């Protein structure tokens, strides 16, 4: 990290799911109150956060560099 992020990321999960399941998982997280931090690397991964700012990535093997 370039700068400290106090009170954030006390936990960070990467959740690998089948590529056809990922959009549904992201939508479910958003419907539960999460927010989308970034989708710039989708479908390789989406960065989500909970209401406290803890981040989690929904990841697939699609769109990754070799």
Protein backbone atom coordinates (compact mmCIF):
# COMPACT_ATOMS: atom_id res chain seq x y z
CA UNK A 1 0.00 0.00 0.00
CA UNK A 2 1.16 3.49 -0.74
CA UNK A 3 -0.39 4.96 2.39
CA UNK A 4 -1.75 3.65 5.65
CA UNK A 5 -5.48 2.96 5.79
CA UNK A 6 -6.42 3.05 9.48
CA UNK A 7 -9.55 1.14 10.49
CA UNK A 8 -9.79 -0.56 7.10
CA UNK A 9 -9.02 -4.03 5.91
CA UNK A 10 -8.93 -5.69 9.27
CA UNK A 11 -9.78 -8.67 7.11
CA UNK A 12 -9.49 -9.17 3.34
CA UNK A 13 -10.81 -12.22 1.55
CA UNK A 14 -10.32 -13.40 -2.01
CA UNK A 15 -13.20 -15.64 -3.01
CA UNK A 16 -12.63 -17.68 -6.16
CA UNK A 17 -15.82 -18.73 -7.93
CA UNK A 18 -16.68 -20.21 -11.34
CA UNK A 19 -16.74 -17.44 -13.97
CA UNK A 20 -20.43 -17.91 -14.69
CA UNK A 21 -21.26 -17.54 -10.98
CA UNK A 22 -19.25 -14.36 -10.32
CA UNK A 23 -21.76 -11.70 -11.48
CA UNK A 24 -24.50 -13.22 -9.30
CA UNK A 25 -22.17 -13.28 -6.28
CA UNK A 26 -21.25 -9.62 -6.81
CA UNK A 27 -24.92 -8.62 -7.13
CA UNK A 28 -25.78 -10.58 -3.97
CA UNK A 29 -23.05 -8.79 -2.02
CA UNK A 30 -24.26 -5.40 -3.25
CA UNK A 31 -27.87 -6.24 -2.36
CA UNK A 32 -26.71 -7.14 1.16
CA UNK A 33 -25.28 -3.64 1.68
CA UNK A 34 -21.78 -3.96 0.25
CA UNK A 35 -20.38 -1.56 -2.31
CA UNK A 36 -18.32 -1.93 -5.44
CA UNK A 37 -14.83 -0.49 -5.02
CA UNK A 38 -13.57 -1.46 -8.47
CA UNK A 39 -14.53 -3.58 -11.46
CA UNK A 40 -11.65 -2.43 -13.67
CA UNK A 41 -10.09 -5.92 -13.67
CA UNK A 42 -13.34 -7.88 -14.13
CA UNK A 43 -13.81 -10.69 -14.94
CA UNK A 44 -10.50 -11.54 -13.25
CA UNK A 45 -11.72 -9.87 -10.05
CA UNK A 46 -14.13 -7.37 -8.56
CA UNK A 47 -13.17 -5.50 -5.38
CA UNK A 48 -16.05 -5.11 -2.94
CA UNK A 49 -16.26 -3.58 0.53
CA UNK A 50 -18.56 -3.92 3.49
CA UNK A 51 -20.03 -0.99 5.40
CA UNK A 52 -16.88 -0.74 7.55
CA UNK A 53 -14.57 -0.60 4.53
CA UNK A 54 -13.23 -4.16 4.79
CA UNK A 55 -12.51 -5.38 1.29
CA UNK A 56 -13.09 -8.70 -0.42
CA UNK A 57 -12.43 -9.74 -3.99
CA UNK A 58 -14.65 -12.03 -6.03
CA UNK A 59 -12.21 -13.70 -8.40
CA UNK A 60 -12.31 -15.99 -11.43
CA UNK A 61 -9.66 -17.40 -13.71
CA UNK A 62 -11.02 -15.52 -16.73
CA UNK A 63 -9.22 -12.39 -17.86
CA UNK A 64 -5.98 -13.10 -16.03
CA UNK A 65 -2.62 -12.46 -17.66
CA UNK A 66 -0.52 -15.54 -18.29
